[in-house]
Structures are given as C-alpha cells and as structure tokens.
Amino acid sequence: MTWNIDTIVISLLLGVLMIVVGSKVSKNAVEGVPGRFQNFVEMILEFVQTQVKDSFPGHNPLIAPMALTIFVWVWLMNFMDLIPVDLLPVIAGWFGIHYLKVVPTTDLNTPMAMALMVFALTLFYNVKVKGLAGYLKMFLFHPFGKFAMPANIVMTAIEEVAKPLSLGLRLFGNMFAGELVFLLIALLGGAAALGAGLLIWFPLQVVLDLGWLLFHILVITLQAFIFMVLTIVYLGMAHTSDH
C-alpha cells in the first residue's frame, strides 16, 4: 500500500494544466480568424472526433470527452520523458526530496489504474447494453457454441482480462524502455567526464540524445493515440448487442 506521491502530484498537476489551458482557450475562442493555438486545439478536437466517429457505434456523450482527456493527459504525462532525466530530480534534491520519478506513465500504477478504469466502464456498459443475462450468455456460448461451455468461459475470461493488461502494460513498457534509453545515453557523458574521452563521447552523447528525443516525440504521441483508440474500441464493443 505504498503511495507514490511523485506520480500522484505530477499527474494531478498535468491534469490541472490541461483543464486550465482548455478553459482559457474556450473562453478566448473567436470565430472567423482564430489564432494559431486555437487552430492547434481545434485540430486535436477534430482528430479525436474523427476517431470516435470511425471506431464507436451509436452515440454516447461520454465517449468523445473521455477520449480527448485520455489522449491529451497521457501525452502530457509521456512528454515529461523529454525533460532531461536528472534536471527535476536535482532541483527536488535542493528541497530535501531525494527521489523523484517525473514520468507518471513509467510508474506501472498509472497505466494500470487508467486501464482498470476503462475495464470497469466496459463492464458497466456491457451489462447496461446487453443486460446481465446477455453478458453472461457471452461467457457461456462464445466462441465455441453451447456445447463447449467450460471452454467458452475460460476463453472469454482470458479475452476480457487481457484487455486491461495489454492496455496498461503496452503504455508502461514503451515509456519505461524509452526512459531507460535516455538514462543510458546520459551515462555516456557521465563516464566520459572521468577520462580523456570527453571530447569524443560528449558530442556523441549530444547526437544520440537529440536523435532519440526526436524519435521519442513520435513514440509518446503514438502511445497516447493507441491508448485512446483501444479505449474507444473496447467501449464500442461493449455497446454492441453481438460479441
């Protein structure tokens, strides 16, 4: 029952930042010739709206706002990985905080908590749309028919449990691996500083760091997109009467 305060605080601060900026943009929105930032925000809104229309059957007023929140919030948490790995921990050390994890999505608790919330929503809408009997019927008769109920229960249970596990572990694994690469690149400069190889290793570190940073911008965006799309798809499956 350990509380990872750094993960909680940074996640909440990024959430508050998202809310404040979104509120400011909505209040200052203009028609006709919007500014660049408003154009950028509208582009994100249209992008998310398109994904919801393409992946979600029917209509549910919760899905689009939730998809937007997931995409932006996960992206912001992932973006913390682009800040130099030792900068914020060093600053925190000046105030007596000797351990600080600045990327919430590299803490397994964050991706799994979000994945479990998505899973809880899928269970809720499965029961709401299909009815409790209909949802239990899916466990009994899918995928091998009524004559293989034990196998159906096992296979469907594995399929359902795999959804939150894959959703959370995919995000955690990619972000944790990305952070490790940044740490390994940072160690190049630290090791070179102890010897005469500084003139060789430090420029190499800069090149590697810049290259991985540019590639990692794509990674953090892709991971936020995948988490959002899978959430829409899972909730869409829960809203259909068939499996």
C-alpha atoms as a PDB file:
ATOM      1  CA  MET A   1       0.000   0.000   0.000  1.00  0.00           C
ATOM      2  CA  THR A   2       2.791   2.410  -0.933  1.00  0.00           C
ATOM      3  CA  TRP A   3       1.624   5.819  -2.142  1.00  0.00           C
ATOM      4  CA  ASN A   4       3.874   7.108  -4.932  1.00  0.00           C
ATOM      5  CA  ILE A   5       3.475  10.789  -4.118  1.00  0.00           C
ATOM      6  CA  ASP A   6       5.636  11.973  -7.026  1.00  0.00           C
ATOM      7  CA  THR A   7       3.465  10.113  -9.548  1.00  0.00           C
ATOM      8  CA  ILE A   8       0.236  11.365  -7.971  1.00  0.00           C
ATOM      9  CA  VAL A   9       1.339  15.005  -7.711  1.00  0.00           C
ATOM     10  CA  ILE A  10       2.804  15.250 -11.222  1.00  0.00           C
ATOM     11  CA  SER A  11      -0.235  13.520 -12.756  1.00  0.00           C
ATOM     12  CA  LEU A  12      -2.595  15.895 -10.956  1.00  0.00           C
ATOM     13  CA  LEU A  13      -0.562  18.957 -11.906  1.00  0.00           C
ATOM     14  CA  LEU A  14      -0.614  17.937 -15.561  1.00  0.00           C
ATOM     15  CA  GLY A  15      -4.362  17.321 -15.309  1.00  0.00           C
ATOM     16  CA  VAL A  16      -4.895  20.770 -13.797  1.00  0.00           C
ATOM     17  CA  LEU A  17      -2.710  22.292 -16.541  1.00  0.00           C
ATOM     18  CA  MET A  18      -4.857  20.599 -19.177  1.00  0.00           C
ATOM     19  CA  ILE A  19      -8.063  21.906 -17.576  1.00  0.00           C
ATOM     20  CA  VAL A  20      -6.753  25.463 -17.147  1.00  0.00           C
ATOM     21  CA  VAL A  21      -5.438  25.723 -20.703  1.00  0.00           C
ATOM     22  CA  GLY A  22      -8.611  24.186 -22.137  1.00  0.00           C
ATOM     23  CA  SER A  23     -10.789  26.565 -20.142  1.00  0.00           C
ATOM     24  CA  LYS A  24      -8.745  29.561 -21.262  1.00  0.00           C
ATOM     25  CA  VAL A  25      -8.908  28.533 -24.909  1.00  0.00           C
ATOM     26  CA  SER A  26     -12.686  28.030 -24.759  1.00  0.00           C
ATOM     27  CA  LYS A  27     -13.216  31.434 -23.134  1.00  0.00           C
ATOM     28  CA  ASN A  28     -10.981  33.234 -25.634  1.00  0.00           C
ATOM     29  CA  ALA A  29     -12.191  31.330 -28.700  1.00  0.00           C
ATOM     30  CA  VAL A  30     -13.085  33.508 -31.663  1.00  0.00           C
ATOM     31  CA  GLU A  31     -14.822  32.822 -34.962  1.00  0.00           C
ATOM     32  CA  GLY A  32     -13.544  33.828 -38.342  1.00  0.00           C
ATOM     33  CA  VAL A  33      -9.763  34.060 -37.983  1.00  0.00           C
ATOM     34  CA  PRO A  34      -8.671  32.121 -34.880  1.00  0.00           C
ATOM     35  CA  GLY A  35      -5.145  32.300 -33.541  1.00  0.00           C
ATOM     36  CA  ARG A  36      -2.512  29.623 -34.013  1.00  0.00           C
ATOM     37  CA  PHE A  37      -3.045  27.984 -30.639  1.00  0.00           C
ATOM     38  CA  GLN A  38      -6.817  27.868 -31.119  1.00  0.00           C
ATOM     39  CA  ASN A  39      -6.236  26.296 -34.530  1.00  0.00           C
ATOM     40  CA  PHE A  40      -3.988  23.705 -32.888  1.00  0.00           C
ATOM     41  CA  VAL A  41      -6.597  22.888 -30.233  1.00  0.00           C
ATOM     42  CA  GLU A  42      -9.364  22.656 -32.829  1.00  0.00           C
ATOM     43  CA  MET A  43      -7.180  20.319 -34.893  1.00  0.00           C
ATOM     44  CA  ILE A  44      -6.830  17.986 -31.879  1.00  0.00           C
ATOM     45  CA  LEU A  45     -10.589  18.136 -31.233  1.00  0.00           C
ATOM     46  CA  GLU A  46     -11.392  17.274 -34.836  1.00  0.00           C
ATOM     47  CA  PHE A  47      -8.823  14.468 -34.804  1.00  0.00           C
ATOM     48  CA  VAL A  48     -10.337  12.877 -31.692  1.00  0.00           C
ATOM     49  CA  GLN A  49     -13.870  13.395 -33.002  1.00  0.00           C
ATOM     50  CA  THR A  50     -12.931  11.585 -36.223  1.00  0.00           C
ATOM     51  CA  GLN A  51     -11.517   8.645 -34.282  1.00  0.00           C
ATOM     52  CA  VAL A  52     -14.700   8.378 -32.213  1.00  0.00           C
ATOM     53  CA  LYS A  53     -16.931   8.506 -35.300  1.00  0.00           C
ATOM     54  CA  ASP A  54     -14.862   5.839 -37.058  1.00  0.00           C
ATOM     55  CA  SER A  55     -14.473   3.453 -34.111  1.00  0.00           C
ATOM     56  CA  PHE A  56     -17.556   3.874 -31.934  1.00  0.00           C
ATOM     57  CA  PRO A  57     -21.009   2.660 -32.982  1.00  0.00           C
ATOM     58  CA  GLY A  58     -24.050   4.639 -31.922  1.00  0.00           C
ATOM     59  CA  HIS A  59     -23.937   7.633 -29.624  1.00  0.00           C
ATOM     60  CA  ASN A  60     -22.742   8.151 -26.077  1.00  0.00           C
ATOM     61  CA  PRO A  61     -21.955  11.718 -24.881  1.00  0.00           C
ATOM     62  CA  LEU A  62     -19.265  10.371 -22.529  1.00  0.00           C
ATOM     63  CA  ILE A  63     -17.016   8.784 -25.147  1.00  0.00           C
ATOM     64  CA  ALA A  64     -15.638  11.810 -27.033  1.00  0.00           C
ATOM     65  CA  PRO A  65     -14.756  13.903 -23.930  1.00  0.00           C
ATOM     66  CA  MET A  66     -13.176  10.860 -22.298  1.00  0.00           C
ATOM     67  CA  ALA A  67     -11.187  10.039 -25.440  1.00  0.00           C
ATOM     68  CA  LEU A  68      -9.948  13.632 -25.623  1.00  0.00           C
ATOM     69  CA  THR A  69      -8.997  13.609 -21.938  1.00  0.00           C
ATOM     70  CA  ILE A  70      -7.120  10.326 -22.280  1.00  0.00           C
ATOM     71  CA  PHE A  71      -5.219  11.424 -25.393  1.00  0.00           C
ATOM     72  CA  VAL A  72      -4.112  14.797 -24.028  1.00  0.00           C
ATOM     73  CA  TRP A  73      -3.432  13.652 -20.455  1.00  0.00           C
ATOM     74  CA  VAL A  74      -1.443  10.576 -21.485  1.00  0.00           C
ATOM     75  CA  TRP A  75       0.519  12.676 -23.978  1.00  0.00           C
ATOM     76  CA  LEU A  76       1.363  15.252 -21.310  1.00  0.00           C
ATOM     77  CA  MET A  77       2.493  12.547 -18.883  1.00  0.00           C
ATOM     78  CA  ASN A  78       4.586  10.958 -21.642  1.00  0.00           C
ATOM     79  CA  PHE A  79       6.041  14.356 -22.557  1.00  0.00           C
ATOM     80  CA  MET A  80       7.745  14.561 -19.167  1.00  0.00           C
ATOM     81  CA  ASP A  81      10.159  11.970 -20.547  1.00  0.00           C
ATOM     82  CA  LEU A  82      11.581  14.644 -22.882  1.00  0.00           C
ATOM     83  CA  ILE A  83      12.787  16.757 -19.957  1.00  0.00           C
ATOM     84  CA  PRO A  84      16.459  15.981 -19.118  1.00  0.00           C
ATOM     85  CA  VAL A  85      16.368  12.911 -16.877  1.00  0.00           C
ATOM     86  CA  ASP A  86      18.351  14.447 -13.996  1.00  0.00           C
ATOM     87  CA  LEU A  87      17.089  18.036 -14.118  1.00  0.00           C
ATOM     88  CA  LEU A  88      13.932  17.865 -11.992  1.00  0.00           C
ATOM     89  CA  PRO A  89      15.357  15.266  -9.541  1.00  0.00           C
ATOM     90  CA  VAL A  90      18.360  17.541  -8.914  1.00  0.00           C
ATOM     91  CA  ILE A  91      16.091  20.536  -8.306  1.00  0.00           C
ATOM     92  CA  ALA A  92      13.928  18.426  -5.993  1.00  0.00           C
ATOM     93  CA  GLY A  93      17.085  17.376  -4.128  1.00  0.00           C
ATOM     94  CA  TRP A  94      17.721  21.024  -3.215  1.00  0.00           C
ATOM     95  CA  PHE A  95      14.453  20.925  -1.256  1.00  0.00           C
ATOM     96  CA  GLY A  96      15.187  17.661   0.512  1.00  0.00           C
ATOM     97  CA  ILE A  97      13.343  15.382  -1.950  1.00  0.00           C
ATOM     98  CA  HIS A  98      15.911  12.709  -2.750  1.00  0.00           C
ATOM     99  CA  TYR A  99      13.799  10.530  -5.039  1.00  0.00           C
ATOM    100  CA  LEU A 100      11.571  11.809  -7.825  1.00  0.00           C
ATOM    101  CA  LYS A 101      10.034   9.958 -10.766  1.00  0.00           C
ATOM    102  CA  VAL A 102       8.915  12.655 -13.173  1.00  0.00           C
ATOM    103  CA  VAL A 103       7.225  10.474 -15.820  1.00  0.00           C
ATOM    104  CA  PRO A 104       3.957   9.112 -14.374  1.00  0.00           C
ATOM    105  CA  THR A 105       3.490   6.588 -17.187  1.00  0.00           C
ATOM    106  CA  THR A 106       6.800   4.888 -16.309  1.00  0.00           C
ATOM    107  CA  ASP A 107       5.215   4.028 -12.963  1.00  0.00           C
ATOM    108  CA  LEU A 108       3.185   0.867 -13.573  1.00  0.00           C
ATOM    109  CA  ASN A 109       0.477   2.101 -11.187  1.00  0.00           C
ATOM    110  CA  THR A 110      -0.586   4.919 -13.532  1.00  0.00           C
ATOM    111  CA  PRO A 111      -1.152   2.970 -16.784  1.00  0.00           C
ATOM    112  CA  MET A 112      -2.764   0.077 -14.918  1.00  0.00           C
ATOM    113  CA  ALA A 113      -5.062   2.391 -12.933  1.00  0.00           C
ATOM    114  CA  MET A 114      -6.260   4.013 -16.173  1.00  0.00           C
ATOM    115  CA  ALA A 115      -6.621   0.611 -17.851  1.00  0.00           C
ATOM    116  CA  LEU A 116      -8.664  -0.733 -14.927  1.00  0.00           C
ATOM    117  CA  MET A 117     -10.970   2.289 -15.079  1.00  0.00           C
ATOM    118  CA  VAL A 118     -11.530   1.634 -18.792  1.00  0.00           C
ATOM    119  CA  PHE A 119     -12.168  -2.033 -17.947  1.00  0.00           C
ATOM    120  CA  ALA A 120     -14.701  -1.047 -15.283  1.00  0.00           C
ATOM    121  CA  LEU A 121     -16.516   1.129 -17.834  1.00  0.00           C
ATOM    122  CA  THR A 122     -16.598  -1.713 -20.358  1.00  0.00           C
ATOM    123  CA  LEU A 123     -18.127  -3.993 -17.732  1.00  0.00           C
ATOM    124  CA  PHE A 124     -20.703  -1.346 -16.861  1.00  0.00           C
ATOM    125  CA  TYR A 125     -21.759  -0.758 -20.461  1.00  0.00           C
ATOM    126  CA  ASN A 126     -21.697  -4.465 -21.281  1.00  0.00           C
ATOM    127  CA  VAL A 127     -24.263  -5.070 -18.556  1.00  0.00           C
ATOM    128  CA  LYS A 128     -26.211  -1.897 -19.364  1.00  0.00           C
ATOM    129  CA  VAL A 129     -26.482  -2.567 -23.115  1.00  0.00           C
ATOM    130  CA  LYS A 130     -26.649  -6.356 -23.209  1.00  0.00           C
ATOM    131  CA  GLY A 131     -28.254  -6.878 -19.829  1.00  0.00           C
ATOM    132  CA  LEU A 132     -26.758  -9.122 -17.169  1.00  0.00           C
ATOM    133  CA  ALA A 133     -28.205 -12.209 -18.834  1.00  0.00           C
ATOM    134  CA  GLY A 134     -26.854 -11.186 -22.223  1.00  0.00           C
ATOM    135  CA  TYR A 135     -23.387 -10.540 -20.826  1.00  0.00           C
ATOM    136  CA  LEU A 136     -23.326 -13.904 -19.047  1.00  0.00           C
ATOM    137  CA  LYS A 137     -24.578 -15.525 -22.249  1.00  0.00           C
ATOM    138  CA  MET A 138     -21.467 -14.221 -23.988  1.00  0.00           C
ATOM    139  CA  PHE A 139     -19.313 -16.096 -21.462  1.00  0.00           C
ATOM    140  CA  LEU A 140     -21.319 -19.296 -21.878  1.00  0.00           C
ATOM    141  CA  PHE A 141     -21.746 -19.515 -25.659  1.00  0.00           C
ATOM    142  CA  HIS A 142     -18.782 -17.633 -27.171  1.00  0.00           C
ATOM    143  CA  PRO A 143     -16.725 -18.641 -29.127  1.00  0.00           C
ATOM    144  CA  PHE A 144     -17.387 -22.387 -29.489  1.00  0.00           C
ATOM    145  CA  GLY A 145     -21.153 -22.586 -29.039  1.00  0.00           C
ATOM    146  CA  LYS A 146     -23.371 -24.037 -26.367  1.00  0.00           C
ATOM    147  CA  PHE A 147     -21.768 -27.490 -26.334  1.00  0.00           C
ATOM    148  CA  ALA A 148     -18.412 -26.199 -25.066  1.00  0.00           C
ATOM    149  CA  MET A 149     -19.432 -24.000 -22.140  1.00  0.00           C
ATOM    150  CA  PRO A 150     -16.387 -24.696 -19.896  1.00  0.00           C
ATOM    151  CA  ALA A 151     -14.001 -23.836 -22.727  1.00  0.00           C
ATOM    152  CA  ASN A 152     -16.106 -20.777 -23.610  1.00  0.00           C
ATOM    153  CA  ILE A 153     -15.943 -19.455 -20.039  1.00  0.00           C
ATOM    154  CA  VAL A 154     -12.152 -19.881 -19.878  1.00  0.00           C
ATOM    155  CA  MET A 155     -11.504 -18.362 -23.312  1.00  0.00           C
ATOM    156  CA  THR A 156     -13.847 -15.389 -22.806  1.00  0.00           C
ATOM    157  CA  ALA A 157     -12.471 -14.705 -19.320  1.00  0.00           C
ATOM    158  CA  ILE A 158      -8.915 -14.680 -20.692  1.00  0.00           C
ATOM    159  CA  GLU A 159     -10.022 -12.377 -23.514  1.00  0.00           C
ATOM    160  CA  GLU A 160     -11.661  -9.938 -21.108  1.00  0.00           C
ATOM    161  CA  VAL A 161      -8.768  -9.905 -18.623  1.00  0.00           C
ATOM    162  CA  ALA A 162      -6.249  -9.442 -21.446  1.00  0.00           C
ATOM    163  CA  LYS A 163      -7.830  -6.121 -22.412  1.00  0.00           C
ATOM    164  CA  PRO A 164      -6.787  -4.061 -19.350  1.00  0.00           C
ATOM    165  CA  LEU A 165      -3.489  -5.932 -19.037  1.00  0.00           C
ATOM    166  CA  SER A 166      -2.451  -5.244 -22.628  1.00  0.00           C
ATOM    167  CA  LEU A 167      -3.746  -1.671 -22.446  1.00  0.00           C
ATOM    168  CA  GLY A 168      -1.747  -0.795 -19.332  1.00  0.00           C
ATOM    169  CA  LEU A 169       1.377  -2.860 -19.942  1.00  0.00           C
ATOM    170  CA  ARG A 170       1.812  -1.603 -23.504  1.00  0.00           C
ATOM    171  CA  LEU A 171       1.943   2.012 -22.361  1.00  0.00           C
ATOM    172  CA  PHE A 172       4.150   1.246 -19.361  1.00  0.00           C
ATOM    173  CA  GLY A 173       6.573  -0.952 -21.306  1.00  0.00           C
ATOM    174  CA  ASN A 174       7.155   1.528 -24.119  1.00  0.00           C
ATOM    175  CA  MET A 175       7.591   4.514 -21.821  1.00  0.00           C
ATOM    176  CA  PHE A 176       9.794   2.659 -19.337  1.00  0.00           C
ATOM    177  CA  ALA A 177      12.038   1.427 -22.163  1.00  0.00           C
ATOM    178  CA  GLY A 178      12.244   4.947 -23.584  1.00  0.00           C
ATOM    179  CA  GLU A 179      13.295   6.332 -20.211  1.00  0.00           C
ATOM    180  CA  LEU A 180      15.985   3.661 -19.871  1.00  0.00           C
ATOM    181  CA  VAL A 181      17.432   4.654 -23.251  1.00  0.00           C
ATOM    182  CA  PHE A 182      17.650   8.287 -22.113  1.00  0.00           C
ATOM    183  CA  LEU A 183      19.394   7.142 -18.918  1.00  0.00           C
ATOM    184  CA  LEU A 184      21.900   5.027 -20.867  1.00  0.00           C
ATOM    185  CA  ILE A 185      22.687   7.929 -23.186  1.00  0.00           C
ATOM    186  CA  ALA A 186      23.123  10.230 -20.171  1.00  0.00           C
ATOM    187  CA  LEU A 187      25.602   7.745 -18.650  1.00  0.00           C
ATOM    188  CA  LEU A 188      27.828   8.122 -21.717  1.00  0.00           C
ATOM    189  CA  GLY A 189      28.608  11.711 -20.785  1.00  0.00           C
ATOM    190  CA  GLY A 190      28.990  10.845 -17.117  1.00  0.00           C
ATOM    191  CA  ALA A 191      31.503   8.104 -17.843  1.00  0.00           C
ATOM    192  CA  ALA A 192      33.403  10.218 -20.359  1.00  0.00           C
ATOM    193  CA  ALA A 193      33.731  13.069 -17.841  1.00  0.00           C
ATOM    194  CA  LEU A 194      36.005  10.828 -15.774  1.00  0.00           C
ATOM    195  CA  GLY A 195      38.558  10.360 -18.534  1.00  0.00           C
ATOM    196  CA  ALA A 196      40.190  11.870 -21.576  1.00  0.00           C
ATOM    197  CA  GLY A 197      37.436  10.582 -23.878  1.00  0.00           C
ATOM    198  CA  LEU A 198      35.217  13.557 -23.072  1.00  0.00           C
ATOM    199  CA  LEU A 199      35.938  15.233 -26.407  1.00  0.00           C
ATOM    200  CA  ILE A 200      34.739  12.122 -28.235  1.00  0.00           C
ATOM    201  CA  TRP A 201      31.914  10.828 -26.076  1.00  0.00           C
ATOM    202  CA  PHE A 202      30.227  14.106 -25.203  1.00  0.00           C
ATOM    203  CA  PRO A 203      29.477  15.104 -28.840  1.00  0.00           C
ATOM    204  CA  LEU A 204      28.288  11.534 -29.438  1.00  0.00           C
ATOM    205  CA  GLN A 205      26.009  11.802 -26.427  1.00  0.00           C
ATOM    206  CA  VAL A 206      24.525  15.048 -27.757  1.00  0.00           C
ATOM    207  CA  VAL A 207      23.853  13.498 -31.179  1.00  0.00           C
ATOM    208  CA  LEU A 208      22.330  10.337 -29.699  1.00  0.00           C
ATOM    209  CA  ASP A 209      20.231  12.321 -27.233  1.00  0.00           C
ATOM    210  CA  LEU A 210      18.878  14.601 -29.944  1.00  0.00           C
ATOM    211  CA  GLY A 211      18.133  11.688 -32.271  1.00  0.00           C
ATOM    212  CA  TRP A 212      16.331   9.683 -29.596  1.00  0.00           C
ATOM    213  CA  LEU A 213      14.439  12.781 -28.437  1.00  0.00           C
ATOM    214  CA  LEU A 214      13.092  13.421 -31.944  1.00  0.00           C
ATOM    215  CA  PHE A 215      12.124   9.761 -32.322  1.00  0.00           C
ATOM    216  CA  HIS A 216      10.599   9.710 -28.833  1.00  0.00           C
ATOM    217  CA  ILE A 217       8.240  12.558 -29.755  1.00  0.00           C
ATOM    218  CA  LEU A 218       6.672  10.111 -32.207  1.00  0.00           C
ATOM    219  CA  VAL A 219       6.647   7.352 -29.564  1.00  0.00           C
ATOM    220  CA  ILE A 220       4.862   9.388 -26.882  1.00  0.00           C
ATOM    221  CA  THR A 221       2.256  10.582 -29.393  1.00  0.00           C
ATOM    222  CA  LEU A 222       1.715   7.093 -30.766  1.00  0.00           C
ATOM    223  CA  GLN A 223       1.290   5.595 -27.294  1.00  0.00           C
ATOM    224  CA  ALA A 224      -1.278   8.231 -26.321  1.00  0.00           C
ATOM    225  CA  PHE A 225      -3.106   7.587 -29.603  1.00  0.00           C
ATOM    226  CA  ILE A 226      -3.111   3.796 -29.126  1.00  0.00           C
ATOM    227  CA  PHE A 227      -4.420   4.075 -25.565  1.00  0.00           C
ATOM    228  CA  MET A 228      -7.207   6.384 -26.746  1.00  0.00           C
ATOM    229  CA  VAL A 229      -8.195   4.260 -29.753  1.00  0.00           C
ATOM    230  CA  LEU A 230      -8.232   0.995 -27.797  1.00  0.00           C
ATOM    231  CA  THR A 231     -10.404   2.647 -25.157  1.00  0.00           C
ATOM    232  CA  ILE A 232     -12.870   3.714 -27.848  1.00  0.00           C
ATOM    233  CA  VAL A 233     -12.816   0.248 -29.431  1.00  0.00           C
ATOM    234  CA  TYR A 234     -13.347  -1.598 -26.136  1.00  0.00           C
ATOM    235  CA  LEU A 235     -16.231   0.674 -25.177  1.00  0.00           C
ATOM    236  CA  GLY A 236     -17.629   0.335 -28.686  1.00  0.00           C
ATOM    237  CA  MET A 237     -17.604  -3.462 -28.327  1.00  0.00           C
ATOM    238  CA  ALA A 238     -19.475  -3.059 -25.037  1.00  0.00           C
ATOM    239  CA  HIS A 239     -22.187  -1.021 -26.792  1.00  0.00           C
ATOM    240  CA  THR A 240     -22.934  -3.654 -29.424  1.00  0.00           C
ATOM    241  CA  SER A 241     -25.508  -6.347 -28.797  1.00  0.00           C
ATOM    242  CA  ASP A 242     -23.416  -9.032 -30.532  1.00  0.00           C
ATOM    243  CA  HIS A 243     -19.912 -10.027 -29.400  1.00  0.00           C
END
